[in-house]
Amino acid sequence: MSEKKNLLITPDFPPSLGGVATYLATIASFFDSIEVLTTPATDSDLFDLHVEYPIHRESLFYQWIWPRWLKIIFLLWQARHQYRLILVSHLLPIGTAAFFAKKLTGVPY
């Protein structure tokens, strides 16, 4: 069985520009065992090739289901055995989804 990793969930990650995206990329680079779950972005393939940690890009929110952040709970439920800690970048709505996912999976955030 492979070692469990940390997971950073954020809608704001490079190559998106801005201070929060840069800050989160810097934090991710300091972890030995981390993966990032973020939204798709233009030219993300080029950025993703140059980092040493895996980046998974997919929509974090449902388009037609409310609350839209229920998708994050579903994604965390699917990956509950892969991660030891969930890191969130935004209290609302990602932190809310992580809170409910913790109740279901036991994985701290």
Protein backbone atom coordinates (compact mmCIF):
# COMPACT_ATOMS: atom_id res chain seq x y z
CA MET A 1 0.00 0.00 0.00
CA SER A 2 1.35 3.40 -0.93
CA GLU A 3 1.89 6.17 1.59
CA LYS A 4 -1.01 8.57 2.06
CA LYS A 5 -0.46 12.10 0.81
CA ASN A 6 -1.73 15.58 1.59
CA LEU A 7 -4.25 17.14 -0.77
CA LEU A 8 -4.57 20.86 -1.48
CA ILE A 9 -7.94 21.88 -2.95
CA THR A 10 -8.18 25.31 -4.52
CA PRO A 11 -9.86 27.10 -7.42
CA ASP A 12 -6.94 29.56 -7.49
CA PHE A 13 -3.65 28.00 -8.64
CA PRO A 14 -1.06 28.81 -11.31
CA PRO A 15 -0.93 29.45 -14.16
CA SER A 16 -3.70 31.75 -12.93
CA LEU A 17 -2.14 35.06 -11.99
CA GLY A 18 -2.37 36.64 -8.58
CA GLY A 19 -1.00 36.62 -5.08
CA VAL A 20 -3.15 33.75 -3.76
CA ALA A 21 -2.22 31.46 -6.65
CA THR A 22 1.49 32.22 -6.22
CA TYR A 23 1.24 31.76 -2.44
CA LEU A 24 -0.45 28.36 -2.78
CA ALA A 25 2.08 27.14 -5.34
CA THR A 26 4.88 28.13 -2.97
CA ILE A 27 3.24 26.29 -0.07
CA ALA A 28 2.71 23.19 -2.21
CA SER A 29 6.39 23.16 -3.20
CA PHE A 30 7.46 22.84 0.45
CA PHE A 31 5.57 19.60 1.06
CA ASP A 32 7.30 16.28 0.44
CA SER A 33 4.07 14.44 -0.25
CA ILE A 34 1.29 16.58 -1.73
CA GLU A 35 -1.14 16.59 -4.62
CA VAL A 36 -3.18 19.55 -5.84
CA LEU A 37 -6.80 19.44 -6.98
CA THR A 38 -7.73 22.59 -8.88
CA THR A 39 -9.77 23.86 -11.77
CA PRO A 40 -8.68 23.72 -15.42
CA ALA A 41 -6.83 26.77 -16.72
CA THR A 42 -5.45 28.02 -20.00
CA ASP A 43 -1.85 26.86 -20.53
CA SER A 44 -1.95 24.71 -17.40
CA ASP A 45 -0.25 21.79 -19.17
CA LEU A 46 2.95 23.79 -19.49
CA PHE A 47 2.92 24.82 -15.82
CA ASP A 48 2.06 21.32 -14.62
CA LEU A 49 5.11 19.83 -16.36
CA HIS A 50 7.50 21.99 -14.33
CA VAL A 51 6.39 21.14 -10.79
CA GLU A 52 7.42 18.11 -8.76
CA TYR A 53 3.97 17.27 -7.39
CA PRO A 54 0.90 15.94 -9.21
CA ILE A 55 -1.79 18.43 -10.17
CA HIS A 56 -5.29 17.16 -10.95
CA ARG A 57 -7.45 19.61 -12.84
CA GLU A 58 -11.21 19.26 -13.00
CA SER A 59 -14.27 21.32 -12.24
CA LEU A 60 -14.76 21.57 -8.48
CA PHE A 61 -18.39 22.67 -8.68
CA TYR A 62 -21.57 21.24 -10.12
CA GLN A 63 -23.20 23.36 -12.77
CA TRP A 64 -26.83 22.36 -12.21
CA ILE A 65 -26.97 21.04 -8.63
CA TRP A 66 -27.23 23.30 -5.60
CA PRO A 67 -25.23 23.81 -3.49
CA ARG A 68 -22.64 23.63 -6.24
CA TRP A 69 -19.83 22.67 -3.80
CA LEU A 70 -21.45 19.27 -3.15
CA LYS A 71 -19.15 18.02 -5.91
CA ILE A 72 -16.14 18.63 -3.65
CA ILE A 73 -17.68 16.38 -0.99
CA PHE A 74 -18.20 13.71 -3.63
CA LEU A 75 -14.60 14.02 -4.86
CA LEU A 76 -13.25 13.78 -1.30
CA TRP A 77 -15.44 10.75 -0.61
CA GLN A 78 -14.02 9.00 -3.69
CA ALA A 79 -10.43 9.70 -2.62
CA ARG A 80 -10.90 9.14 1.13
CA HIS A 81 -8.31 6.34 1.35
CA GLN A 82 -5.60 8.23 -0.56
CA TYR A 83 -5.05 11.26 1.66
CA ARG A 84 -4.08 11.84 5.28
CA LEU A 85 -4.82 15.59 5.35
CA ILE A 86 -6.91 17.96 3.23
CA LEU A 87 -5.63 21.54 2.88
CA VAL A 88 -8.14 24.16 1.76
CA SER A 89 -7.41 27.57 0.32
CA HIS A 90 -10.77 29.24 0.83
CA LEU A 91 -13.02 28.95 3.85
CA LEU A 92 -16.12 29.41 1.72
CA PRO A 93 -17.16 27.23 -0.01
CA ILE A 94 -14.25 24.77 -0.07
CA GLY A 95 -13.76 24.76 3.70
CA THR A 96 -17.47 24.07 4.16
CA ALA A 97 -17.30 21.11 1.80
CA ALA A 98 -14.16 19.81 3.55
CA PHE A 99 -15.94 20.09 6.91
CA PHE A 100 -18.82 17.90 5.74
CA ALA A 101 -16.44 15.50 3.99
CA LYS A 102 -14.53 15.10 7.26
CA LYS A 103 -17.77 14.07 8.96
CA LEU A 104 -18.25 11.37 6.32
CA THR A 105 -14.67 10.19 5.78
CA GLY A 106 -12.76 11.06 8.96
CA VAL A 107 -9.96 12.68 6.92
CA PRO A 108 -8.93 15.89 8.73
CA TYR A 109 -8.76 19.22 6.95
